[in-house]
Amino acid sequence: MKKVAVTATVQVRAYDVLCRAVEEGIGYGWNRAHKHVDKPTPEAIRSAIEDAVMNALSEVLSFHEEN
């Protein structure tokens, strides 16, 4: 495969990327909270949504901890 130099500027619309990740996380978390329980507690719903949103954000962001 021949390498081709590409000179272009790409701008990521960070707000859109983050919104999509949060929306997908909320939907996934909501479904996950209701997967095995018909009426999950508000705490279970919040926990499932929080976990799913953080997982979705982890897919589009890199978190570097400072020592």
PDB file of N, CA and C in Angstrom:
ATOM      1  N   MET A   1       0.844  -1.170   0.000  1.00  0.00           N
ATOM      2  CA  MET A   1       0.000   0.000   0.000  1.00  0.00           C
ATOM      3  C   MET A   1       0.889   1.234   0.000  1.00  0.00           C
ATOM      4  N   LYS A   2       0.630   2.118  -0.910  1.00  0.00           N
ATOM      5  CA  LYS A   2       1.411   3.341  -1.036  1.00  0.00           C
ATOM      6  C   LYS A   2       0.898   4.399  -0.062  1.00  0.00           C
ATOM      7  N   LYS A   3       1.826   5.032   0.650  1.00  0.00           N
ATOM      8  CA  LYS A   3       1.458   6.107   1.566  1.00  0.00           C
ATOM      9  C   LYS A   3       1.261   7.388   0.789  1.00  0.00           C
ATOM     10  N   VAL A   4       0.208   8.084   1.125  1.00  0.00           N
ATOM     11  CA  VAL A   4      -0.114   9.342   0.478  1.00  0.00           C
ATOM     12  C   VAL A   4      -0.168  10.422   1.545  1.00  0.00           C
ATOM     13  N   ALA A   5       0.535  11.507   1.306  1.00  0.00           N
ATOM     14  CA  ALA A   5       0.514  12.623   2.248  1.00  0.00           C
ATOM     15  C   ALA A   5      -0.781  13.405   2.067  1.00  0.00           C
ATOM     16  N   VAL A   6      -1.432  13.657   3.174  1.00  0.00           N
ATOM     17  CA  VAL A   6      -2.671  14.430   3.141  1.00  0.00           C
ATOM     18  C   VAL A   6      -2.442  15.703   3.932  1.00  0.00           C
ATOM     19  N   THR A   7      -2.688  16.805   3.307  1.00  0.00           N
ATOM     20  CA  THR A   7      -2.570  18.080   4.010  1.00  0.00           C
ATOM     21  C   THR A   7      -3.947  18.708   4.056  1.00  0.00           C
ATOM     22  N   ALA A   8      -4.542  18.609   5.222  1.00  0.00           N
ATOM     23  CA  ALA A   8      -5.875  19.167   5.415  1.00  0.00           C
ATOM     24  C   ALA A   8      -6.032  19.512   6.883  1.00  0.00           C
ATOM     25  N   THR A   9      -6.944  20.381   7.147  1.00  0.00           N
ATOM     26  CA  THR A   9      -7.247  20.740   8.516  1.00  0.00           C
ATOM     27  C   THR A   9      -8.594  20.134   8.877  1.00  0.00           C
ATOM     28  N   VAL A  10      -8.612  19.451   9.984  1.00  0.00           N
ATOM     29  CA  VAL A  10      -9.844  18.849  10.468  1.00  0.00           C
ATOM     30  C   VAL A  10     -10.137  19.448  11.833  1.00  0.00           C
ATOM     31  N   GLN A  11     -11.351  19.898  11.996  1.00  0.00           N
ATOM     32  CA  GLN A  11     -11.753  20.453  13.269  1.00  0.00           C
ATOM     33  C   GLN A  11     -12.842  19.567  13.851  1.00  0.00           C
ATOM     34  N   VAL A  12     -12.636  19.135  15.067  1.00  0.00           N
ATOM     35  CA  VAL A  12     -13.625  18.311  15.746  1.00  0.00           C
ATOM     36  C   VAL A  12     -14.601  19.234  16.460  1.00  0.00           C
ATOM     37  N   ARG A  13     -15.863  18.982  16.269  1.00  0.00           N
ATOM     38  CA  ARG A  13     -16.878  19.745  16.993  1.00  0.00           C
ATOM     39  C   ARG A  13     -17.079  19.049  18.331  1.00  0.00           C
ATOM     40  N   ALA A  14     -16.258  19.449  19.294  1.00  0.00           N
ATOM     41  CA  ALA A  14     -16.207  18.784  20.594  1.00  0.00           C
ATOM     42  C   ALA A  14     -17.566  18.756  21.279  1.00  0.00           C
ATOM     43  N   TYR A  15     -18.295  19.849  21.207  1.00  0.00           N
ATOM     44  CA  TYR A  15     -19.607  19.908  21.849  1.00  0.00           C
ATOM     45  C   TYR A  15     -20.527  18.831  21.291  1.00  0.00           C
ATOM     46  N   ASP A  16     -20.520  18.674  19.967  1.00  0.00           N
ATOM     47  CA  ASP A  16     -21.369  17.667  19.338  1.00  0.00           C
ATOM     48  C   ASP A  16     -20.951  16.252  19.723  1.00  0.00           C
ATOM     49  N   VAL A  17     -19.646  16.013  19.774  1.00  0.00           N
ATOM     50  CA  VAL A  17     -19.132  14.698  20.158  1.00  0.00           C
ATOM     51  C   VAL A  17     -19.540  14.377  21.589  1.00  0.00           C
ATOM     52  N   LEU A  18     -19.380  15.351  22.492  1.00  0.00           N
ATOM     53  CA  LEU A  18     -19.740  15.129  23.888  1.00  0.00           C
ATOM     54  C   LEU A  18     -21.242  14.954  24.059  1.00  0.00           C
ATOM     55  N   CYS A  19     -22.032  15.752  23.363  1.00  0.00           N
ATOM     56  CA  CYS A  19     -23.491  15.610  23.442  1.00  0.00           C
ATOM     57  C   CYS A  19     -23.931  14.221  22.997  1.00  0.00           C
ATOM     58  N   ARG A  20     -23.366  13.764  21.901  1.00  0.00           N
ATOM     59  CA  ARG A  20     -23.730  12.441  21.402  1.00  0.00           C
ATOM     60  C   ARG A  20     -23.357  11.356  22.412  1.00  0.00           C
ATOM     61  N   ALA A  21     -22.169  11.463  22.995  1.00  0.00           N
ATOM     62  CA  ALA A  21     -21.744  10.468  23.977  1.00  0.00           C
ATOM     63  C   ALA A  21     -22.658  10.484  25.202  1.00  0.00           C
ATOM     64  N   VAL A  22     -23.022  11.670  25.670  1.00  0.00           N
ATOM     65  CA  VAL A  22     -23.901  11.769  26.838  1.00  0.00           C
ATOM     66  C   VAL A  22     -25.284  11.219  26.504  1.00  0.00           C
ATOM     67  N   GLU A  23     -25.832  11.583  25.353  1.00  0.00           N
ATOM     68  CA  GLU A  23     -27.151  11.084  24.962  1.00  0.00           C
ATOM     69  C   GLU A  23     -27.161   9.568  24.836  1.00  0.00           C
ATOM     70  N   GLU A  24     -26.132   9.015  24.204  1.00  0.00           N
ATOM     71  CA  GLU A  24     -26.055   7.565  24.065  1.00  0.00           C
ATOM     72  C   GLU A  24     -25.908   6.900  25.429  1.00  0.00           C
ATOM     73  N   GLY A  25     -25.107   7.509  26.295  1.00  0.00           N
ATOM     74  CA  GLY A  25     -24.921   6.967  27.640  1.00  0.00           C
ATOM     75  C   GLY A  25     -26.208   6.973  28.443  1.00  0.00           C
ATOM     76  N   ILE A  26     -26.970   8.045  28.343  1.00  0.00           N
ATOM     77  CA  ILE A  26     -28.241   8.123  29.069  1.00  0.00           C
ATOM     78  C   ILE A  26     -29.189   7.029  28.583  1.00  0.00           C
ATOM     79  N   GLY A  27     -29.302   6.894  27.282  1.00  0.00           N
ATOM     80  CA  GLY A  27     -30.182   5.866  26.729  1.00  0.00           C
ATOM     81  C   GLY A  27     -29.754   4.467  27.131  1.00  0.00           C
ATOM     82  N   TYR A  28     -28.469   4.201  27.031  1.00  0.00           N
ATOM     83  CA  TYR A  28     -27.959   2.880  27.385  1.00  0.00           C
ATOM     84  C   TYR A  28     -28.153   2.621  28.874  1.00  0.00           C
ATOM     85  N   GLY A  29     -27.846   3.626  29.700  1.00  0.00           N
ATOM     86  CA  GLY A  29     -27.998   3.461  31.150  1.00  0.00           C
ATOM     87  C   GLY A  29     -29.438   3.228  31.549  1.00  0.00           C
ATOM     88  N   TRP A  30     -30.356   3.966  30.930  1.00  0.00           N
ATOM     89  CA  TRP A  30     -31.778   3.790  31.220  1.00  0.00           C
ATOM     90  C   TRP A  30     -32.214   2.360  30.886  1.00  0.00           C
ATOM     91  N   ASN A  31     -31.832   1.895  29.703  1.00  0.00           N
ATOM     92  CA  ASN A  31     -32.179   0.533  29.301  1.00  0.00           C
ATOM     93  C   ASN A  31     -31.536  -0.499  30.207  1.00  0.00           C
ATOM     94  N   ARG A  32     -30.303  -0.262  30.596  1.00  0.00           N
ATOM     95  CA  ARG A  32     -29.583  -1.191  31.465  1.00  0.00           C
ATOM     96  C   ARG A  32     -30.252  -1.284  32.832  1.00  0.00           C
ATOM     97  N   ALA A  33     -30.694  -0.149  33.369  1.00  0.00           N
ATOM     98  CA  ALA A  33     -31.357  -0.141  34.676  1.00  0.00           C
ATOM     99  C   ALA A  33     -32.663  -0.933  34.639  1.00  0.00           C
ATOM    100  N   HIS A  34     -33.312  -0.966  33.485  1.00  0.00           N
ATOM    101  CA  HIS A  34     -34.594  -1.659  33.355  1.00  0.00           C
ATOM    102  C   HIS A  34     -34.464  -3.063  32.760  1.00  0.00           C
ATOM    103  N   LYS A  35     -33.232  -3.518  32.563  1.00  0.00           N
ATOM    104  CA  LYS A  35     -33.026  -4.789  31.865  1.00  0.00           C
ATOM    105  C   LYS A  35     -33.654  -5.980  32.598  1.00  0.00           C
ATOM    106  N   HIS A  36     -33.434  -6.075  33.912  1.00  0.00           N
ATOM    107  CA  HIS A  36     -33.924  -7.232  34.667  1.00  0.00           C
ATOM    108  C   HIS A  36     -34.953  -6.853  35.717  1.00  0.00           C
ATOM    109  N   VAL A  37     -35.274  -5.566  35.794  1.00  0.00           N
ATOM    110  CA  VAL A  37     -36.197  -5.087  36.825  1.00  0.00           C
ATOM    111  C   VAL A  37     -37.240  -4.197  36.155  1.00  0.00           C
ATOM    112  N   ASP A  38     -38.502  -4.457  36.435  1.00  0.00           N
ATOM    113  CA  ASP A  38     -39.555  -3.635  35.833  1.00  0.00           C
ATOM    114  C   ASP A  38     -39.588  -2.225  36.400  1.00  0.00           C
ATOM    115  N   LYS A  39     -39.360  -2.101  37.696  1.00  0.00           N
ATOM    116  CA  LYS A  39     -39.395  -0.787  38.345  1.00  0.00           C
ATOM    117  C   LYS A  39     -38.137  -0.598  39.189  1.00  0.00           C
ATOM    118  N   PRO A  40     -37.013  -0.223  38.553  1.00  0.00           N
ATOM    119  CA  PRO A  40     -35.788  -0.012  39.325  1.00  0.00           C
ATOM    120  C   PRO A  40     -35.921   1.217  40.222  1.00  0.00           C
ATOM    121  N   THR A  41     -35.149   1.221  41.279  1.00  0.00           N
ATOM    122  CA  THR A  41     -35.157   2.365  42.187  1.00  0.00           C
ATOM    123  C   THR A  41     -34.507   3.556  41.504  1.00  0.00           C
ATOM    124  N   PRO A  42     -34.846   4.764  41.935  1.00  0.00           N
ATOM    125  CA  PRO A  42     -34.177   5.942  41.369  1.00  0.00           C
ATOM    126  C   PRO A  42     -32.657   5.858  41.503  1.00  0.00           C
ATOM    127  N   GLU A  43     -32.181   5.310  42.613  1.00  0.00           N
ATOM    128  CA  GLU A  43     -30.733   5.150  42.824  1.00  0.00           C
ATOM    129  C   GLU A  43     -30.134   4.221  41.767  1.00  0.00           C
ATOM    130  N   ALA A  44     -30.803   3.114  41.467  1.00  0.00           N
ATOM    131  CA  ALA A  44     -30.307   2.167  40.455  1.00  0.00           C
ATOM    132  C   ALA A  44     -30.289   2.819  39.072  1.00  0.00           C
ATOM    133  N   ILE A  45     -31.316   3.604  38.777  1.00  0.00           N
ATOM    134  CA  ILE A  45     -31.372   4.292  37.485  1.00  0.00           C
ATOM    135  C   ILE A  45     -30.237   5.296  37.380  1.00  0.00           C
ATOM    136  N   ARG A  46     -30.055   6.118  38.406  1.00  0.00           N
ATOM    137  CA  ARG A  46     -28.979   7.118  38.391  1.00  0.00           C
ATOM    138  C   ARG A  46     -27.620   6.448  38.240  1.00  0.00           C
ATOM    139  N   SER A  47     -27.409   5.371  38.980  1.00  0.00           N
ATOM    140  CA  SER A  47     -26.121   4.669  38.938  1.00  0.00           C
ATOM    141  C   SER A  47     -25.850   4.092  37.544  1.00  0.00           C
ATOM    142  N   ALA A  48     -26.863   3.456  36.957  1.00  0.00           N
ATOM    143  CA  ALA A  48     -26.686   2.865  35.622  1.00  0.00           C
ATOM    144  C   ALA A  48     -26.423   3.947  34.587  1.00  0.00           C
ATOM    145  N   ILE A  49     -27.138   5.067  34.683  1.00  0.00           N
ATOM    146  CA  ILE A  49     -26.939   6.161  33.728  1.00  0.00           C
ATOM    147  C   ILE A  49     -25.566   6.779  33.908  1.00  0.00           C
ATOM    148  N   GLU A  50     -25.163   7.011  35.155  1.00  0.00           N
ATOM    149  CA  GLU A  50     -23.839   7.593  35.406  1.00  0.00           C
ATOM    150  C   GLU A  50     -22.733   6.703  34.844  1.00  0.00           C
ATOM    151  N   ASP A  51     -22.816   5.407  35.107  1.00  0.00           N
ATOM    152  CA  ASP A  51     -21.801   4.473  34.593  1.00  0.00           C
ATOM    153  C   ASP A  51     -21.766   4.487  33.068  1.00  0.00           C
ATOM    154  N   ALA A  52     -22.938   4.461  32.447  1.00  0.00           N
ATOM    155  CA  ALA A  52     -22.999   4.416  30.983  1.00  0.00           C
ATOM    156  C   ALA A  52     -22.496   5.716  30.358  1.00  0.00           C
ATOM    157  N   VAL A  53     -22.820   6.852  30.960  1.00  0.00           N
ATOM    158  CA  VAL A  53     -22.345   8.131  30.435  1.00  0.00           C
ATOM    159  C   VAL A  53     -20.826   8.209  30.558  1.00  0.00           C
ATOM    160  N   MET A  54     -20.290   7.823  31.697  1.00  0.00           N
ATOM    161  CA  MET A  54     -18.832   7.866  31.873  1.00  0.00           C
ATOM    162  C   MET A  54     -18.141   6.912  30.899  1.00  0.00           C
ATOM    163  N   ASN A  55     -18.728   5.743  30.659  1.00  0.00           N
ATOM    164  CA  ASN A  55     -18.155   4.814  29.679  1.00  0.00           C
ATOM    165  C   ASN A  55     -18.189   5.404  28.274  1.00  0.00           C
ATOM    166  N   ALA A  56     -19.291   6.042  27.924  1.00  0.00           N
ATOM    167  CA  ALA A  56     -19.402   6.660  26.601  1.00  0.00           C
ATOM    168  C   ALA A  56     -18.397   7.798  26.449  1.00  0.00           C
ATOM    169  N   LEU A  57     -18.224   8.592  27.505  1.00  0.00           N
ATOM    170  CA  LEU A  57     -17.240   9.673  27.455  1.00  0.00           C
ATOM    171  C   LEU A  57     -15.817   9.123  27.370  1.00  0.00           C
ATOM    172  N   SER A  58     -15.572   7.998  28.025  1.00  0.00           N
ATOM    173  CA  SER A  58     -14.238   7.382  27.988  1.00  0.00           C
ATOM    174  C   SER A  58     -13.862   6.937  26.585  1.00  0.00           C
ATOM    175  N   GLU A  59     -14.866   6.680  25.754  1.00  0.00           N
ATOM    176  CA  GLU A  59     -14.596   6.267  24.385  1.00  0.00           C
ATOM    177  C   GLU A  59     -14.162   7.428  23.500  1.00  0.00           C
ATOM    178  N   VAL A  60     -14.523   8.661  23.860  1.00  0.00           N
ATOM    179  CA  VAL A  60     -14.178   9.806  23.024  1.00  0.00           C
ATOM    180  C   VAL A  60     -13.174  10.750  23.681  1.00  0.00           C
ATOM    181  N   LEU A  61     -12.870  10.529  24.947  1.00  0.00           N
ATOM    182  CA  LEU A  61     -11.921  11.378  25.669  1.00  0.00           C
ATOM    183  C   LEU A  61     -10.828  10.527  26.291  1.00  0.00           C
ATOM    184  N   SER A  62      -9.670  11.126  26.490  1.00  0.00           N
ATOM    185  CA  SER A  62      -8.586  10.468  27.234  1.00  0.00           C
ATOM    186  C   SER A  62      -8.413  11.193  28.543  1.00  0.00           C
ATOM    187  N   PHE A  63      -8.484  10.449  29.613  1.00  0.00           N
ATOM    188  CA  PHE A  63      -8.307  11.015  30.936  1.00  0.00           C
ATOM    189  C   PHE A  63      -6.900  10.678  31.419  1.00  0.00           C
ATOM    190  N   HIS A  64      -6.129  11.706  31.763  1.00  0.00           N
ATOM    191  CA  HIS A  64      -4.776  11.512  32.269  1.00  0.00           C
ATOM    192  C   HIS A  64      -4.720  12.040  33.684  1.00  0.00           C
ATOM    193  N   GLU A  65      -4.426  11.146  34.611  1.00  0.00           N
ATOM    194  CA  GLU A  65      -4.332  11.551  36.004  1.00  0.00           C
ATOM    195  C   GLU A  65      -2.945  12.121  36.272  1.00  0.00           C
ATOM    196  N   GLU A  66      -2.917  13.219  37.007  1.00  0.00           N
ATOM    197  CA  GLU A  66      -1.643  13.818  37.386  1.00  0.00           C
ATOM    198  C   GLU A  66      -1.234  13.255  38.740  1.00  0.00           C
ATOM    199  N   ASN A  67       0.037  12.982  38.880  1.00  0.00           N
ATOM    200  CA  ASN A  67       0.540  12.436  40.161  1.00  0.00           C
ATOM    201  C   ASN A  67       0.993  13.530  41.065  1.00  0.00           C
TER     202      ASN A  67
END
